[in-house]
Amino acid sequence: MANRATAVVVCLITALAMSACNNDEGATTVPGDRSATEIVTTTGPAPTTEPAPATGDVTSTEPPPTTTITSTTTTVPVRADVLALELVGCERFGIGTLVDPVIARGYLPDGQEPLLVQDRSPFTLQAMSCDDLVTDGLSHGPGHFSTAWMAIVGSDEPLTLPPESDLVAVATDSYYPPLFHTDNDGFQAATAAFGIPMTLAESMTFDPTEAGIQTGGAVDNQFVPPLSYQWSVDNINRTEVSVGTGRHTLLGLDDEGAPLIYYGEFLHEPGWMGNVGTLQLGPGSAFEDLLGSEVTGPVNGDDITVTMTVFRSD
């Protein structure tokens, strides 16, 4: 019987692993080769060697393992240059006032100046309840929409609309819009995808337009700083004569700070005109430094339909 002997057996274990995996952004990462070597010492009887069976020479060639690396390409959509907006069948609460031009200037982008009327600058809030909110012909259904405008000194250059627009540009007044918000999810998503800084309000209300006291308001915590307001008007005066079509130009910025131009036609229907209303801001609300806690002024409550072309400026 063979004497027991101590033998050292050295085992070489090599593991090769490669994998392709996608990170959160869709980029492909391929870890490098990883190998591990382990030396194991054992004590036991000396190994015996059995004669190998007599066989012919056999050569076995195994193909090397194949590693397939897949690549994921992330496509970033390019924003369109033109967006068509329609606000269809809207009841409106539009209140105007005059504000301190020094404070107003702080809301304006570089290069814009507030328009002065009797050493003050016009400001207006337009709140609407619409039968349909539409982007590029796609209906998003009914919803509320509000915007604020600040009168500015317009350009001396005539406005040129893109060829995609169905509107015809004429000389108009000019405004900067510091506020767009809505409670319609689809309309907000479509306009925000284009780059319009449209926030989604937590709540917006708008009483039906009729004789007597009418109220509405909004709470918007997406807006910075958060915005909350209530409005009311006593509808006494009504006109059955349409004031026709108004045209306005808004010179704004997109969500990345690039210029956006809004050119709109506002078709006015007969309605409640020339009544006195009140706009009240919540404590600490946006625009409180500009408007104070309460504004009283003339209100136009006629029904309107708005057709607007929004396009990027070079």
Protein backbone atom coordinates (compact mmCIF):
# COMPACT_ATOMS: atom_id res chain seq x y z
CA MET A 1 0.00 0.00 0.00
CA ALA A 2 1.41 3.31 -0.91
CA ASN A 3 2.68 5.51 1.86
CA ARG A 4 0.53 8.56 2.62
CA ALA A 5 2.14 11.65 1.30
CA THR A 6 1.42 15.25 1.37
CA ALA A 7 0.75 16.65 -2.06
CA VAL A 8 0.14 20.18 -3.09
CA VAL A 9 -2.49 20.51 -5.76
CA VAL A 10 -2.63 23.84 -7.50
CA CYS A 11 -5.92 24.61 -9.19
CA LEU A 12 -6.25 27.51 -11.60
CA ILE A 13 -9.80 28.76 -11.97
CA THR A 14 -10.39 31.42 -14.57
CA ALA A 15 -13.82 32.99 -15.08
CA LEU A 16 -14.53 35.25 -18.00
CA ALA A 17 -17.78 37.23 -17.94
CA MET A 18 -18.99 39.92 -20.27
CA SER A 19 -22.46 41.40 -20.33
CA ALA A 20 -24.34 44.30 -21.96
CA CYS A 21 -26.85 46.17 -19.84
CA ASN A 22 -28.86 49.33 -20.17
CA ASN A 23 -28.62 52.07 -17.59
CA ASP A 24 -31.51 54.33 -16.66
CA GLU A 25 -30.84 56.64 -19.57
CA GLY A 26 -30.71 53.81 -22.11
CA ALA A 27 -26.89 53.98 -22.61
CA THR A 28 -25.09 50.66 -23.08
CA THR A 29 -22.26 49.72 -20.74
CA VAL A 30 -19.99 46.71 -21.19
CA PRO A 31 -18.00 45.70 -18.10
CA GLY A 32 -14.42 44.61 -18.75
CA ASP A 33 -13.07 41.04 -18.46
CA ARG A 34 -12.97 39.80 -14.93
CA SER A 35 -10.68 36.88 -13.94
CA ALA A 36 -9.96 35.28 -10.58
CA THR A 37 -7.11 32.88 -9.65
CA GLU A 38 -7.34 30.69 -6.52
CA ILE A 39 -4.57 28.48 -5.06
CA VAL A 40 -5.87 25.57 -2.93
CA THR A 41 -3.58 23.42 -0.69
CA THR A 42 -4.86 19.93 0.23
CA THR A 43 -3.34 17.01 2.22
CA GLY A 44 -4.07 13.43 1.21
CA PRO A 45 -2.70 10.31 -0.47
CA ALA A 46 -0.58 10.75 -3.50
CA PRO A 47 -2.65 10.49 -6.64
CA THR A 48 -2.34 7.37 -8.76
CA THR A 49 -2.00 7.58 -12.48
CA GLU A 50 -4.13 5.22 -14.58
CA PRO A 51 -2.88 4.43 -18.05
CA ALA A 52 -4.80 6.26 -20.69
CA PRO A 53 -6.89 4.10 -22.98
CA ALA A 54 -5.31 3.40 -26.31
CA THR A 55 -7.04 5.55 -28.84
CA GLY A 56 -6.12 7.22 -32.05
CA ASP A 57 -4.99 10.76 -32.06
CA VAL A 58 -8.08 12.95 -31.79
CA THR A 59 -7.92 16.71 -32.13
CA SER A 60 -10.93 18.57 -30.80
CA THR A 61 -11.23 22.22 -31.72
CA GLU A 62 -13.88 24.15 -29.91
CA PRO A 63 -14.85 27.52 -31.39
CA PRO A 64 -14.15 30.45 -29.08
CA PRO A 65 -17.20 31.73 -27.23
CA THR A 66 -19.04 34.53 -29.00
CA THR A 67 -20.11 37.63 -27.13
CA THR A 68 -22.87 39.70 -28.61
CA ILE A 69 -22.99 43.34 -27.56
CA THR A 70 -26.21 45.14 -28.29
CA SER A 71 -26.35 48.91 -28.55
CA THR A 72 -29.34 51.05 -27.67
CA THR A 73 -29.71 54.40 -29.39
CA THR A 74 -31.73 57.06 -27.63
CA THR A 75 -33.55 59.39 -30.00
CA VAL A 76 -34.17 62.89 -28.70
CA PRO A 77 -37.13 64.41 -30.56
CA VAL A 78 -36.45 67.73 -32.24
CA ARG A 79 -38.99 70.35 -31.29
CA ALA A 80 -41.15 71.77 -34.03
CA ASP A 81 -40.72 75.40 -34.98
CA VAL A 82 -44.43 76.21 -35.25
CA LEU A 83 -47.47 75.33 -33.11
CA ALA A 84 -51.09 76.19 -33.88
CA LEU A 85 -53.32 76.88 -30.88
CA GLU A 86 -57.10 77.22 -30.75
CA LEU A 87 -59.22 78.18 -27.76
CA VAL A 88 -62.75 77.38 -28.88
CA GLY A 89 -66.00 78.72 -27.42
CA CYS A 90 -64.49 80.44 -24.38
CA GLU A 91 -66.25 82.43 -21.70
CA ARG A 92 -63.87 85.11 -20.48
CA PHE A 93 -63.07 87.15 -17.41
CA GLY A 94 -60.57 89.82 -18.44
CA ILE A 95 -59.49 92.42 -15.90
CA GLY A 96 -57.00 95.21 -16.50
CA THR A 97 -55.06 97.60 -14.29
CA LEU A 98 -52.02 99.90 -14.35
CA VAL A 99 -48.88 98.92 -12.41
CA ASP A 100 -45.59 100.43 -11.34
CA PRO A 101 -43.27 100.28 -14.39
CA VAL A 102 -40.18 99.88 -12.21
CA ILE A 103 -41.56 96.67 -10.69
CA ALA A 104 -42.95 95.61 -14.07
CA ARG A 105 -39.49 95.87 -15.62
CA GLY A 106 -38.27 93.19 -13.21
CA TYR A 107 -40.68 90.70 -14.83
CA LEU A 108 -39.49 91.41 -18.38
CA PRO A 109 -36.64 89.73 -20.28
CA ASP A 110 -33.56 91.72 -21.20
CA GLY A 111 -34.24 94.04 -24.10
CA GLN A 112 -37.93 94.60 -23.33
CA GLU A 113 -39.33 97.78 -21.83
CA PRO A 114 -42.76 98.34 -20.27
CA LEU A 115 -45.15 100.50 -22.26
CA LEU A 116 -46.10 103.62 -20.30
CA VAL A 117 -49.65 104.96 -20.03
CA GLN A 118 -49.85 107.98 -17.70
CA ASP A 119 -46.50 106.93 -16.20
CA ARG A 120 -47.90 103.50 -15.40
CA SER A 121 -47.76 100.19 -17.29
CA PRO A 122 -50.85 98.14 -18.35
CA PHE A 123 -51.31 94.65 -16.91
CA THR A 124 -54.17 92.26 -17.68
CA LEU A 125 -55.30 88.84 -16.47
CA GLN A 126 -57.41 86.79 -18.88
CA ALA A 127 -59.22 83.78 -17.35
CA MET A 128 -61.23 81.53 -19.65
CA SER A 129 -63.51 78.50 -19.58
CA CYS A 130 -63.41 76.89 -23.04
CA ASP A 131 -65.41 74.23 -24.85
CA ASP A 132 -62.25 72.89 -26.47
CA LEU A 133 -58.48 73.42 -26.22
CA VAL A 134 -56.67 72.46 -29.43
CA THR A 135 -53.02 72.08 -30.51
CA ASP A 136 -52.13 71.48 -34.17
CA GLY A 137 -55.70 70.35 -34.89
CA LEU A 138 -55.75 67.86 -31.99
CA SER A 139 -58.66 68.34 -29.59
CA HIS A 140 -57.86 68.05 -25.88
CA GLY A 141 -61.44 68.66 -24.77
CA PRO A 142 -62.86 71.35 -22.51
CA GLY A 143 -60.87 73.07 -19.81
CA HIS A 144 -59.84 76.27 -18.12
CA PHE A 145 -57.00 78.45 -19.30
CA SER A 146 -55.58 81.69 -17.93
CA THR A 147 -52.81 84.04 -19.01
CA ALA A 148 -51.35 87.34 -17.81
CA TRP A 149 -50.04 90.00 -20.19
CA MET A 150 -47.80 93.01 -19.58
CA ALA A 151 -47.80 95.76 -22.21
CA ILE A 152 -44.36 96.39 -23.73
CA VAL A 153 -42.81 98.65 -26.33
CA GLY A 154 -43.11 96.72 -29.59
CA SER A 155 -40.60 96.31 -32.39
CA ASP A 156 -40.47 98.75 -35.30
CA GLU A 157 -39.97 95.82 -37.66
CA PRO A 158 -43.10 94.31 -39.28
CA LEU A 159 -43.98 90.83 -38.06
CA THR A 160 -43.47 88.01 -40.54
CA LEU A 161 -45.43 84.82 -39.85
CA PRO A 162 -44.09 81.39 -40.84
CA PRO A 163 -45.57 79.83 -44.01
CA GLU A 164 -47.32 77.17 -41.88
CA SER A 165 -49.60 79.83 -40.37
CA ASP A 166 -53.10 80.39 -41.71
CA LEU A 167 -53.17 83.90 -40.22
CA VAL A 168 -52.24 87.20 -41.82
CA ALA A 169 -50.03 89.48 -39.75
CA VAL A 170 -51.02 93.09 -39.22
CA ALA A 171 -49.55 95.73 -36.94
CA THR A 172 -50.72 95.12 -33.36
CA ASP A 173 -49.98 96.01 -29.79
CA SER A 174 -47.29 93.95 -28.04
CA TYR A 175 -47.23 92.15 -24.70
CA TYR A 176 -44.97 89.93 -22.63
CA PRO A 177 -46.81 86.91 -21.12
CA PRO A 178 -45.45 86.03 -17.63
CA LEU A 179 -48.18 83.43 -17.06
CA PHE A 180 -49.81 80.53 -18.89
CA HIS A 181 -51.65 77.85 -16.95
CA THR A 182 -54.49 75.36 -17.40
CA ASP A 183 -56.23 72.43 -15.71
CA ASN A 184 -56.39 70.35 -18.92
CA ASP A 185 -53.69 67.65 -18.75
CA GLY A 186 -53.48 67.02 -22.50
CA PHE A 187 -53.33 70.69 -23.43
CA GLN A 188 -50.65 71.34 -20.83
CA ALA A 189 -48.55 68.38 -21.98
CA ALA A 190 -48.78 69.33 -25.68
CA THR A 191 -47.89 72.98 -25.16
CA ALA A 192 -45.12 72.19 -22.67
CA ALA A 193 -43.61 69.66 -25.12
CA PHE A 194 -43.32 72.48 -27.65
CA GLY A 195 -41.60 74.65 -25.05
CA ILE A 196 -44.39 76.95 -23.89
CA PRO A 197 -43.98 77.48 -20.12
CA MET A 198 -47.50 76.22 -19.38
CA THR A 199 -48.07 74.99 -15.82
CA LEU A 200 -50.78 72.59 -14.67
CA ALA A 201 -52.93 74.18 -11.96
CA GLU A 202 -54.18 72.16 -8.99
CA SER A 203 -57.60 73.76 -9.35
CA MET A 204 -59.36 76.31 -11.55
CA THR A 205 -62.97 77.47 -11.23
CA PHE A 206 -65.18 79.60 -13.44
CA ASP A 207 -68.85 80.28 -12.76
CA PRO A 208 -71.16 80.33 -15.79
CA THR A 209 -71.35 83.78 -17.30
CA GLU A 210 -74.74 85.31 -16.53
CA ALA A 211 -76.32 88.34 -14.88
CA GLY A 212 -75.32 89.00 -11.28
CA ILE A 213 -72.24 88.05 -9.28
CA GLN A 214 -69.83 85.74 -11.07
CA THR A 215 -66.71 84.26 -9.44
CA GLY A 216 -63.71 82.10 -10.27
CA GLY A 217 -60.13 81.47 -9.29
CA ALA A 218 -57.10 79.21 -9.40
CA VAL A 219 -54.44 77.53 -7.28
CA ASP A 220 -51.20 76.70 -9.08
CA ASN A 221 -48.29 75.32 -7.06
CA GLN A 222 -46.25 74.47 -10.16
CA PHE A 223 -45.87 78.15 -10.90
CA VAL A 224 -42.84 79.79 -9.27
CA PRO A 225 -43.53 81.28 -6.82
CA PRO A 226 -46.87 79.50 -6.21
CA LEU A 227 -49.89 81.39 -7.51
CA SER A 228 -53.37 81.64 -6.01
CA TYR A 229 -56.11 84.10 -6.87
CA GLN A 230 -59.86 84.65 -6.73
CA TRP A 231 -61.86 86.96 -8.95
CA SER A 232 -65.41 88.28 -9.01
CA VAL A 233 -67.53 90.59 -11.15
CA ASP A 234 -71.06 91.94 -10.96
CA ASN A 235 -72.44 91.45 -14.47
CA ILE A 236 -74.80 94.37 -15.03
CA ASN A 237 -73.92 95.77 -18.44
CA ARG A 238 -74.33 93.60 -21.50
CA THR A 239 -73.88 94.40 -25.17
CA GLU A 240 -75.44 92.56 -28.08
CA VAL A 241 -72.97 94.10 -30.52
CA SER A 242 -69.78 92.22 -31.29
CA VAL A 243 -66.57 94.20 -31.07
CA GLY A 244 -65.21 92.17 -33.99
CA THR A 245 -61.77 90.58 -34.19
CA GLY A 246 -58.83 91.72 -32.11
CA ARG A 247 -55.22 90.93 -32.97
CA HIS A 248 -52.37 90.78 -30.49
CA THR A 249 -48.68 89.85 -30.48
CA LEU A 250 -47.01 88.27 -27.46
CA LEU A 251 -43.22 88.26 -27.25
CA GLY A 252 -42.29 85.56 -24.75
CA LEU A 253 -39.65 83.00 -23.88
CA ASP A 254 -39.76 79.23 -24.04
CA ASP A 255 -38.85 76.97 -21.12
CA GLU A 256 -35.15 77.22 -22.06
CA GLY A 257 -35.12 81.01 -22.34
CA ALA A 258 -35.24 81.20 -26.14
CA PRO A 259 -37.61 83.72 -27.81
CA LEU A 260 -41.15 82.60 -28.72
CA ILE A 261 -43.60 84.74 -30.68
CA TYR A 262 -47.38 84.34 -30.33
CA TYR A 263 -49.61 85.99 -32.90
CA GLY A 264 -53.33 85.63 -32.29
CA GLU A 265 -56.74 86.57 -33.64
CA PHE A 266 -59.48 86.96 -31.03
CA LEU A 267 -63.02 86.69 -32.35
CA HIS A 268 -65.31 88.51 -29.91
CA GLU A 269 -68.99 87.64 -29.48
CA PRO A 270 -71.61 89.85 -27.75
CA GLY A 271 -71.48 89.58 -23.96
CA TRP A 272 -71.00 91.28 -20.62
CA MET A 273 -68.76 94.30 -21.14
CA GLY A 274 -67.59 97.26 -19.08
CA ASN A 275 -68.46 95.90 -15.65
CA VAL A 276 -66.31 96.37 -12.55
CA GLY A 277 -64.53 93.38 -11.07
CA THR A 278 -62.00 92.45 -8.41
CA LEU A 279 -58.90 90.26 -8.49
CA GLN A 280 -57.61 89.07 -5.10
CA LEU A 281 -54.25 87.34 -4.62
CA GLY A 282 -53.56 84.85 -1.85
CA PRO A 283 -50.95 85.72 0.81
CA GLY A 284 -47.44 85.41 -0.65
CA SER A 285 -48.79 84.65 -4.11
CA ALA A 286 -46.90 85.33 -7.32
CA PHE A 287 -47.51 88.87 -8.65
CA GLU A 288 -48.26 90.20 -5.17
CA ASP A 289 -45.31 92.59 -5.43
CA LEU A 290 -46.69 93.89 -8.73
CA LEU A 291 -50.42 94.01 -7.97
CA GLY A 292 -50.69 94.10 -4.20
CA SER A 293 -53.27 91.87 -2.54
CA GLU A 294 -56.26 93.21 -4.51
CA VAL A 295 -56.99 94.93 -7.81
CA THR A 296 -60.25 96.54 -8.90
CA GLY A 297 -60.78 97.42 -12.52
CA PRO A 298 -62.90 97.17 -15.67
CA VAL A 299 -63.85 93.66 -16.77
CA ASN A 300 -64.73 92.31 -20.20
CA GLY A 301 -66.80 89.13 -20.05
CA ASP A 302 -67.63 88.52 -23.69
CA ASP A 303 -67.34 85.09 -25.31
CA ILE A 304 -64.31 84.64 -27.56
CA THR A 305 -62.59 82.12 -29.81
CA VAL A 306 -58.83 82.44 -30.20
CA THR A 307 -56.70 81.27 -33.12
CA MET A 308 -52.97 81.62 -32.51
CA THR A 309 -49.71 80.80 -34.21
CA VAL A 310 -46.73 80.23 -31.93
CA PHE A 311 -43.28 80.13 -33.52
CA ARG A 312 -39.61 80.38 -32.66
CA SER A 313 -37.72 83.56 -33.35
CA ASP A 314 -34.27 83.50 -34.93
